[in-house]
Each structure stands twice: as C-alpha cells, then as structure tokens.
C-alpha cells in the first residue's frame, strides 16, 4: 500500500544525496585513510538524515533503518579489523539502499495523482539516485577490472568513486564529454543502459507530471 506522497518530505533525501556528492568531492583533497573514513561515516549520517523523508512510511522506514544500521556496523568492523572485504560489503549495502530508495521514490513520483513541490523534489531525488546507483556499479567494476575505463586511473574504491560519479552523471545526462570512456564490453553495456535510462527517465517523468497536472485540472 502506497502512503500519500504529501506525508513524505523528499527534501531530506535530496539534501542527503547532494551532501553525499559533496563529501565524495572533498575526499579527493585529503589523505587516503581520512578520505575513506569521510566517505563511510558521512554516508551513514546522510542516509540517516534521508530517513526523515520516510517518517510516515513505516514499512520503508524500517527497511532503510535496518540497511543503514548494517552499513554502520560494517564500517565499524572494517575500521577495527582492517579486513578489506568489508569494503565490498559496504559498497553492496550502499547499492541496496540506493536501489531501494529509487524504487520507493519512483512509486510515489511516477504513480501519483497530484503534483506539488514535494513531487518535483522527489523527481530530482530519483534522478540523483539513478546517477549514484550507476556510479557504484562502475566503482565495483573497477575493483575487478581496473582497465574497464579509459581516463580513470584505477586505485582504491574511495579514490575511484568521485571519478565514477562524475562519469555517471555525464552519461546519464548524455553530455558525453569524452574525457572518460568505457573500454571493456561489460563497461560499454552498463554505459549504454545508463544513457538509455537517462533519456527515457526525462520522457517518462515529464509525461507523468503533465498527465498529473491535466488530471488535476
């Protein structure tokens, strides 16, 4: 059952996602260990802030709180043990959160009968989520195939994340600057999927909002 969109304030989720983008940018300016901690802990804090967007949606709120709690536990365990595979676990949980949030926001934004400022903010949040989801896919791909992209000097995942995020949004918006490009077949397929997703998202969201406005009138 979908809870009324008017009771879910997506401004918090949108601000949390923007904060995550800013934290990733700052991580390039500080030492490696501090960069890792900045990304990990800021992501947990910002995702907790995003839960304010779901305060009336109890089912989704509980699911997201469980994911964020597990994410925090993974960060603490990795910091205490220095076991590297926890970093992959962290990326996987972050990916699960992003996909779950995209499904939840999409169900409200695309399947609503009314349009207001909250719906518009939700559509922005969904767009940011799509870009971040693909950036995590690219980051994971670089962990296993360092030569997957031309223009990215593959290193630790937290060093790759700002570059893959930049490339992801350039691809999602179909800007295609050309400074970074896919090399391996898997990378090319993911890039094609993101470009198609970005084009269809704009068409679908505009059609949905116009249709809702027409219904209101």
C-alpha atoms as a PDB file:
ATOM      1  CA  UNK A   1       0.000   0.000   0.000  1.00  0.00           C
ATOM      2  CA  UNK A   2       1.424   3.360  -1.042  1.00  0.00           C
ATOM      3  CA  UNK A   3       1.388   6.080   1.576  1.00  0.00           C
ATOM      4  CA  UNK A   4       0.271   9.543   0.454  1.00  0.00           C
ATOM      5  CA  UNK A   5       3.152  11.392  -1.092  1.00  0.00           C
ATOM      6  CA  UNK A   6       2.144  14.545   0.774  1.00  0.00           C
ATOM      7  CA  UNK A   7       3.230  12.908   4.009  1.00  0.00           C
ATOM      8  CA  UNK A   8       6.715  12.035   2.791  1.00  0.00           C
ATOM      9  CA  UNK A   9       9.040  15.000   2.504  1.00  0.00           C
ATOM     10  CA  UNK A  10      11.666  14.123  -0.099  1.00  0.00           C
ATOM     11  CA  UNK A  11      13.611  17.308   0.515  1.00  0.00           C
ATOM     12  CA  UNK A  12      15.617  15.486   3.214  1.00  0.00           C
ATOM     13  CA  UNK A  13      16.509  12.630   0.887  1.00  0.00           C
ATOM     14  CA  UNK A  14      17.509  15.091  -1.833  1.00  0.00           C
ATOM     15  CA  UNK A  15      19.700  17.105   0.551  1.00  0.00           C
ATOM     16  CA  UNK A  16      21.301  13.898   1.852  1.00  0.00           C
ATOM     17  CA  UNK A  17      22.192  12.809  -1.686  1.00  0.00           C
ATOM     18  CA  UNK A  18      23.651  16.215  -2.520  1.00  0.00           C
ATOM     19  CA  UNK A  19      25.652  16.048   0.725  1.00  0.00           C
ATOM     20  CA  UNK A  20      26.982  12.640  -0.308  1.00  0.00           C
ATOM     21  CA  UNK A  21      28.137  14.087  -3.635  1.00  0.00           C
ATOM     22  CA  UNK A  22      29.901  16.954  -1.824  1.00  0.00           C
ATOM     23  CA  UNK A  23      31.573  14.554   0.630  1.00  0.00           C
ATOM     24  CA  UNK A  24      32.864  12.481  -2.275  1.00  0.00           C
ATOM     25  CA  UNK A  25      34.339  15.588  -3.886  1.00  0.00           C
ATOM     26  CA  UNK A  26      36.110  16.628  -0.675  1.00  0.00           C
ATOM     27  CA  UNK A  27      37.529  13.122  -0.234  1.00  0.00           C
ATOM     28  CA  UNK A  28      39.878  13.765  -3.176  1.00  0.00           C
ATOM     29  CA  UNK A  29      41.550  16.609  -1.270  1.00  0.00           C
ATOM     30  CA  UNK A  30      42.551  14.677   1.862  1.00  0.00           C
ATOM     31  CA  UNK A  31      44.822  11.681   2.662  1.00  0.00           C
ATOM     32  CA  UNK A  32      43.639   8.198   1.734  1.00  0.00           C
ATOM     33  CA  UNK A  33      42.739   6.930   5.205  1.00  0.00           C
ATOM     34  CA  UNK A  34      40.881  10.120   6.079  1.00  0.00           C
ATOM     35  CA  UNK A  35      39.136  10.019   2.685  1.00  0.00           C
ATOM     36  CA  UNK A  36      37.855   6.519   3.360  1.00  0.00           C
ATOM     37  CA  UNK A  37      36.535   7.493   6.779  1.00  0.00           C
ATOM     38  CA  UNK A  38      34.942  10.663   5.400  1.00  0.00           C
ATOM     39  CA  UNK A  39      33.010   8.766   2.735  1.00  0.00           C
ATOM     40  CA  UNK A  40      31.985   5.916   5.015  1.00  0.00           C
ATOM     41  CA  UNK A  41      30.798   7.917   8.020  1.00  0.00           C
ATOM     42  CA  UNK A  42      29.305  10.778   6.031  1.00  0.00           C
ATOM     43  CA  UNK A  43      27.291   8.282   4.002  1.00  0.00           C
ATOM     44  CA  UNK A  44      25.875   6.750   7.186  1.00  0.00           C
ATOM     45  CA  UNK A  45      24.990  10.170   8.632  1.00  0.00           C
ATOM     46  CA  UNK A  46      23.486  11.405   5.393  1.00  0.00           C
ATOM     47  CA  UNK A  47      21.459   8.231   4.913  1.00  0.00           C
ATOM     48  CA  UNK A  48      20.130   8.593   8.458  1.00  0.00           C
ATOM     49  CA  UNK A  49      19.098  12.140   7.550  1.00  0.00           C
ATOM     50  CA  UNK A  50      17.335  10.769   4.487  1.00  0.00           C
ATOM     51  CA  UNK A  51      15.127   8.663   6.773  1.00  0.00           C
ATOM     52  CA  UNK A  52      13.332  11.894   7.695  1.00  0.00           C
ATOM     53  CA  UNK A  53      11.817  11.692   4.226  1.00  0.00           C
ATOM     54  CA  UNK A  54      10.167   8.394   5.208  1.00  0.00           C
ATOM     55  CA  UNK A  55       8.926   9.216   8.691  1.00  0.00           C
ATOM     56  CA  UNK A  56       5.323   8.337   7.824  1.00  0.00           C
ATOM     57  CA  UNK A  57       6.115   5.349   5.620  1.00  0.00           C
ATOM     58  CA  UNK A  58       6.752   2.798   8.360  1.00  0.00           C
ATOM     59  CA  UNK A  59       7.449  -0.231   6.170  1.00  0.00           C
ATOM     60  CA  UNK A  60      10.104   1.503   4.065  1.00  0.00           C
ATOM     61  CA  UNK A  61      11.418   3.335   7.119  1.00  0.00           C
ATOM     62  CA  UNK A  62      12.108   0.065   8.953  1.00  0.00           C
ATOM     63  CA  UNK A  63      13.784  -1.475   5.925  1.00  0.00           C
ATOM     64  CA  UNK A  64      16.027   1.519   5.398  1.00  0.00           C
ATOM     65  CA  UNK A  65      16.876   1.766   9.081  1.00  0.00           C
ATOM     66  CA  UNK A  66      17.965  -1.893   9.010  1.00  0.00           C
ATOM     67  CA  UNK A  67      20.164  -1.250   5.960  1.00  0.00           C
ATOM     68  CA  UNK A  68      21.733   1.854   7.492  1.00  0.00           C
ATOM     69  CA  UNK A  69      22.334   0.040  10.800  1.00  0.00           C
ATOM     70  CA  UNK A  70      24.034  -2.825   8.983  1.00  0.00           C
ATOM     71  CA  UNK A  71      26.048  -0.309   6.972  1.00  0.00           C
ATOM     72  CA  UNK A  72      27.260   1.380  10.153  1.00  0.00           C
ATOM     73  CA  UNK A  73      28.179  -1.986  11.671  1.00  0.00           C
ATOM     74  CA  UNK A  74      30.187  -2.872   8.553  1.00  0.00           C
ATOM     75  CA  UNK A  75      32.050   0.448   8.746  1.00  0.00           C
ATOM     76  CA  UNK A  76      32.893  -0.074  12.425  1.00  0.00           C
ATOM     77  CA  UNK A  77      34.034  -3.674  11.894  1.00  0.00           C
ATOM     78  CA  UNK A  78      36.198  -2.698   8.922  1.00  0.00           C
ATOM     79  CA  UNK A  79      37.809   0.090  10.921  1.00  0.00           C
ATOM     80  CA  UNK A  80      38.519  -2.249  13.830  1.00  0.00           C
ATOM     81  CA  UNK A  81      39.784  -5.224  11.837  1.00  0.00           C
ATOM     82  CA  UNK A  82      41.140  -3.646   8.615  1.00  0.00           C
ATOM     83  CA  UNK A  83      39.609  -6.565   6.694  1.00  0.00           C
ATOM     84  CA  UNK A  84      39.321  -5.369   3.109  1.00  0.00           C
ATOM     85  CA  UNK A  85      36.342  -7.468   2.040  1.00  0.00           C
ATOM     86  CA  UNK A  86      34.163  -5.386   4.363  1.00  0.00           C
ATOM     87  CA  UNK A  87      34.666  -2.558   1.877  1.00  0.00           C
ATOM     88  CA  UNK A  88      32.890  -4.620  -0.776  1.00  0.00           C
ATOM     89  CA  UNK A  89      30.169  -5.371   1.756  1.00  0.00           C
ATOM     90  CA  UNK A  90      29.860  -1.627   2.365  1.00  0.00           C
ATOM     91  CA  UNK A  91      29.526  -0.894  -1.357  1.00  0.00           C
ATOM     92  CA  UNK A  92      26.942  -3.652  -1.702  1.00  0.00           C
ATOM     93  CA  UNK A  93      24.836  -2.293   1.158  1.00  0.00           C
ATOM     94  CA  UNK A  94      25.087   1.243  -0.208  1.00  0.00           C
ATOM     95  CA  UNK A  95      23.916  -0.075  -3.578  1.00  0.00           C
ATOM     96  CA  UNK A  96      20.979  -1.881  -1.941  1.00  0.00           C
ATOM     97  CA  UNK A  97      19.995   1.331  -0.154  1.00  0.00           C
ATOM     98  CA  UNK A  98      20.146   3.380  -3.360  1.00  0.00           C
ATOM     99  CA  UNK A  99      18.096   0.859  -5.347  1.00  0.00           C
ATOM    100  CA  UNK A 100      15.507   0.519  -2.558  1.00  0.00           C
ATOM    101  CA  UNK A 101      15.216   4.293  -2.248  1.00  0.00           C
ATOM    102  CA  UNK A 102      14.836   4.624  -6.032  1.00  0.00           C
ATOM    103  CA  UNK A 103      12.013   2.053  -6.064  1.00  0.00           C
ATOM    104  CA  UNK A 104      10.232   3.791  -3.186  1.00  0.00           C
ATOM    105  CA  UNK A 105      10.598   7.304  -4.587  1.00  0.00           C
ATOM    106  CA  UNK A 106       9.698   6.150  -8.091  1.00  0.00           C
ATOM    107  CA  UNK A 107       6.487   4.501  -6.877  1.00  0.00           C
ATOM    108  CA  UNK A 108       5.397   7.836  -5.384  1.00  0.00           C
ATOM    109  CA  UNK A 109       6.656  10.205  -8.044  1.00  0.00           C
ATOM    110  CA  UNK A 110       5.526   8.213 -11.095  1.00  0.00           C
ATOM    111  CA  UNK A 111       2.294   6.764  -9.677  1.00  0.00           C
ATOM    112  CA  UNK A 112       0.726   9.816  -8.070  1.00  0.00           C
ATOM    113  CA  UNK A 113      -2.441  11.630  -8.973  1.00  0.00           C
ATOM    114  CA  UNK A 114      -1.321  15.103  -7.938  1.00  0.00           C
ATOM    115  CA  UNK A 115       1.679  17.328  -8.485  1.00  0.00           C
ATOM    116  CA  UNK A 116       3.185  19.623  -5.884  1.00  0.00           C
ATOM    117  CA  UNK A 117       6.607  20.865  -4.867  1.00  0.00           C
ATOM    118  CA  UNK A 118       7.291  17.636  -2.998  1.00  0.00           C
ATOM    119  CA  UNK A 119       6.644  15.578  -6.141  1.00  0.00           C
ATOM    120  CA  UNK A 120       9.068  17.742  -8.118  1.00  0.00           C
ATOM    121  CA  UNK A 121      11.735  17.436  -5.394  1.00  0.00           C
ATOM    122  CA  UNK A 122      11.131  13.682  -5.375  1.00  0.00           C
ATOM    123  CA  UNK A 123      11.754  13.510  -9.111  1.00  0.00           C
ATOM    124  CA  UNK A 124      15.090  15.292  -8.553  1.00  0.00           C
ATOM    125  CA  UNK A 125      15.961  12.805  -5.782  1.00  0.00           C
ATOM    126  CA  UNK A 126      15.146   9.897  -8.099  1.00  0.00           C
ATOM    127  CA  UNK A 127      17.411  11.334 -10.806  1.00  0.00           C
ATOM    128  CA  UNK A 128      20.277  11.687  -8.314  1.00  0.00           C
ATOM    129  CA  UNK A 129      19.687   8.138  -7.104  1.00  0.00           C
ATOM    130  CA  UNK A 130      19.922   6.774 -10.645  1.00  0.00           C
ATOM    131  CA  UNK A 131      23.262   8.513 -11.182  1.00  0.00           C
ATOM    132  CA  UNK A 132      24.644   7.259  -7.866  1.00  0.00           C
ATOM    133  CA  UNK A 133      23.443   3.695  -8.500  1.00  0.00           C
ATOM    134  CA  UNK A 134      25.357   3.528 -11.781  1.00  0.00           C
ATOM    135  CA  UNK A 135      28.417   5.159 -10.205  1.00  0.00           C
ATOM    136  CA  UNK A 136      28.546   2.359  -7.629  1.00  0.00           C
ATOM    137  CA  UNK A 137      28.262  -0.210 -10.430  1.00  0.00           C
ATOM    138  CA  UNK A 138      31.233   1.444 -12.161  1.00  0.00           C
ATOM    139  CA  UNK A 139      33.209   1.538  -8.910  1.00  0.00           C
ATOM    140  CA  UNK A 140      32.618  -2.158  -8.286  1.00  0.00           C
ATOM    141  CA  UNK A 141      33.553  -2.945 -11.901  1.00  0.00           C
ATOM    142  CA  UNK A 142      36.862  -1.092 -11.490  1.00  0.00           C
ATOM    143  CA  UNK A 143      37.645  -3.193  -8.434  1.00  0.00           C
ATOM    144  CA  UNK A 144      37.598  -6.327 -10.585  1.00  0.00           C
ATOM    145  CA  UNK A 145      38.634  -4.824 -13.942  1.00  0.00           C
ATOM    146  CA  UNK A 146      40.966  -1.833 -13.423  1.00  0.00           C
ATOM    147  CA  UNK A 147      41.280  -1.262 -17.178  1.00  0.00           C
ATOM    148  CA  UNK A 148      37.498  -1.005 -17.707  1.00  0.00           C
ATOM    149  CA  UNK A 149      37.601   2.755 -18.356  1.00  0.00           C
ATOM    150  CA  UNK A 150      39.971   4.984 -20.249  1.00  0.00           C
ATOM    151  CA  UNK A 151      40.592   8.217 -18.354  1.00  0.00           C
ATOM    152  CA  UNK A 152      40.298   6.775 -14.833  1.00  0.00           C
ATOM    153  CA  UNK A 153      43.488   5.713 -13.077  1.00  0.00           C
ATOM    154  CA  UNK A 154      42.083   2.850 -11.064  1.00  0.00           C
ATOM    155  CA  UNK A 155      43.032   2.899  -7.383  1.00  0.00           C
ATOM    156  CA  UNK A 156      41.220   2.275  -4.136  1.00  0.00           C
ATOM    157  CA  UNK A 157      37.438   2.329  -4.459  1.00  0.00           C
ATOM    158  CA  UNK A 158      37.084   5.564  -2.495  1.00  0.00           C
ATOM    159  CA  UNK A 159      39.541   7.204  -4.912  1.00  0.00           C
ATOM    160  CA  UNK A 160      37.570   5.895  -7.886  1.00  0.00           C
ATOM    161  CA  UNK A 161      34.140   6.884  -6.558  1.00  0.00           C
ATOM    162  CA  UNK A 162      34.336  10.655  -7.296  1.00  0.00           C
ATOM    163  CA  UNK A 163      35.502   9.955 -10.866  1.00  0.00           C
ATOM    164  CA  UNK A 164      32.864   7.290 -11.496  1.00  0.00           C
ATOM    165  CA  UNK A 165      30.189   9.575 -10.047  1.00  0.00           C
ATOM    166  CA  UNK A 166      31.239  12.363 -12.397  1.00  0.00           C
ATOM    167  CA  UNK A 167      31.258   9.967 -15.357  1.00  0.00           C
ATOM    168  CA  UNK A 168      27.903   8.508 -14.318  1.00  0.00           C
ATOM    169  CA  UNK A 169      26.085  11.838 -14.355  1.00  0.00           C
ATOM    170  CA  UNK A 170      27.780  12.880 -17.595  1.00  0.00           C
ATOM    171  CA  UNK A 171      26.464   9.648 -19.114  1.00  0.00           C
ATOM    172  CA  UNK A 172      23.014   9.908 -17.507  1.00  0.00           C
ATOM    173  CA  UNK A 173      22.543  13.392 -18.951  1.00  0.00           C
ATOM    174  CA  UNK A 174      24.040  12.210 -22.291  1.00  0.00           C
ATOM    175  CA  UNK A 175      26.581  15.053 -22.264  1.00  0.00           C
ATOM    176  CA  UNK A 176      29.394  12.790 -23.414  1.00  0.00           C
ATOM    177  CA  UNK A 177      32.456  14.951 -22.775  1.00  0.00           C
ATOM    178  CA  UNK A 178      34.764  12.127 -23.867  1.00  0.00           C
ATOM    179  CA  UNK A 179      37.402  12.555 -21.149  1.00  0.00           C
ATOM    180  CA  UNK A 180      36.357   9.179 -19.725  1.00  0.00           C
ATOM    181  CA  UNK A 181      35.171   6.311 -21.902  1.00  0.00           C
ATOM    182  CA  UNK A 182      34.418   2.587 -21.471  1.00  0.00           C
ATOM    183  CA  UNK A 183      36.920   0.056 -22.787  1.00  0.00           C
ATOM    184  CA  UNK A 184      35.711  -3.421 -21.850  1.00  0.00           C
ATOM    185  CA  UNK A 185      32.450  -4.931 -23.191  1.00  0.00           C
ATOM    186  CA  UNK A 186      30.832  -5.053 -19.742  1.00  0.00           C
ATOM    187  CA  UNK A 187      31.602  -1.386 -19.135  1.00  0.00           C
ATOM    188  CA  UNK A 188      30.182  -0.495 -22.555  1.00  0.00           C
ATOM    189  CA  UNK A 189      26.939  -2.350 -21.822  1.00  0.00           C
ATOM    190  CA  UNK A 190      26.472  -0.589 -18.463  1.00  0.00           C
ATOM    191  CA  UNK A 191      27.155   2.781 -20.081  1.00  0.00           C
ATOM    192  CA  UNK A 192      24.582   2.077 -22.802  1.00  0.00           C
ATOM    193  CA  UNK A 193      21.999   1.090 -20.195  1.00  0.00           C
ATOM    194  CA  UNK A 194      22.606   4.278 -18.225  1.00  0.00           C
ATOM    195  CA  UNK A 195      22.393   6.509 -21.305  1.00  0.00           C
ATOM    196  CA  UNK A 196      19.098   4.889 -22.323  1.00  0.00           C
ATOM    197  CA  UNK A 197      17.815   5.177 -18.745  1.00  0.00           C
ATOM    198  CA  UNK A 198      18.644   8.876 -18.643  1.00  0.00           C
ATOM    199  CA  UNK A 199      16.842   9.586 -21.924  1.00  0.00           C
ATOM    200  CA  UNK A 200      13.731   7.606 -21.030  1.00  0.00           C
ATOM    201  CA  UNK A 201      13.626   9.000 -17.480  1.00  0.00           C
ATOM    202  CA  UNK A 202      13.205  12.545 -18.740  1.00  0.00           C
ATOM    203  CA  UNK A 203      10.490  11.465 -21.168  1.00  0.00           C
ATOM    204  CA  UNK A 204       8.638   9.405 -18.559  1.00  0.00           C
ATOM    205  CA  UNK A 205       8.866  11.941 -15.737  1.00  0.00           C
ATOM    206  CA  UNK A 206       7.719  14.820 -17.961  1.00  0.00           C
ATOM    207  CA  UNK A 207       4.809  12.747 -19.284  1.00  0.00           C
ATOM    208  CA  UNK A 208       3.877  11.694 -15.752  1.00  0.00           C
ATOM    209  CA  UNK A 209       3.930  15.241 -14.371  1.00  0.00           C
ATOM    210  CA  UNK A 210       1.997  16.658 -17.337  1.00  0.00           C
ATOM    211  CA  UNK A 211      -0.577  13.866 -17.065  1.00  0.00           C
ATOM    212  CA  UNK A 212      -0.998  14.516 -13.340  1.00  0.00           C
ATOM    213  CA  UNK A 213      -1.427  18.249 -13.920  1.00  0.00           C
ATOM    214  CA  UNK A 214      -4.032  17.527 -16.595  1.00  0.00           C
ATOM    215  CA  UNK A 215      -5.922  15.237 -14.191  1.00  0.00           C
ATOM    216  CA  UNK A 216      -5.868  17.922 -11.502  1.00  0.00           C
ATOM    217  CA  UNK A 217      -7.399  20.447 -13.883  1.00  0.00           C
END
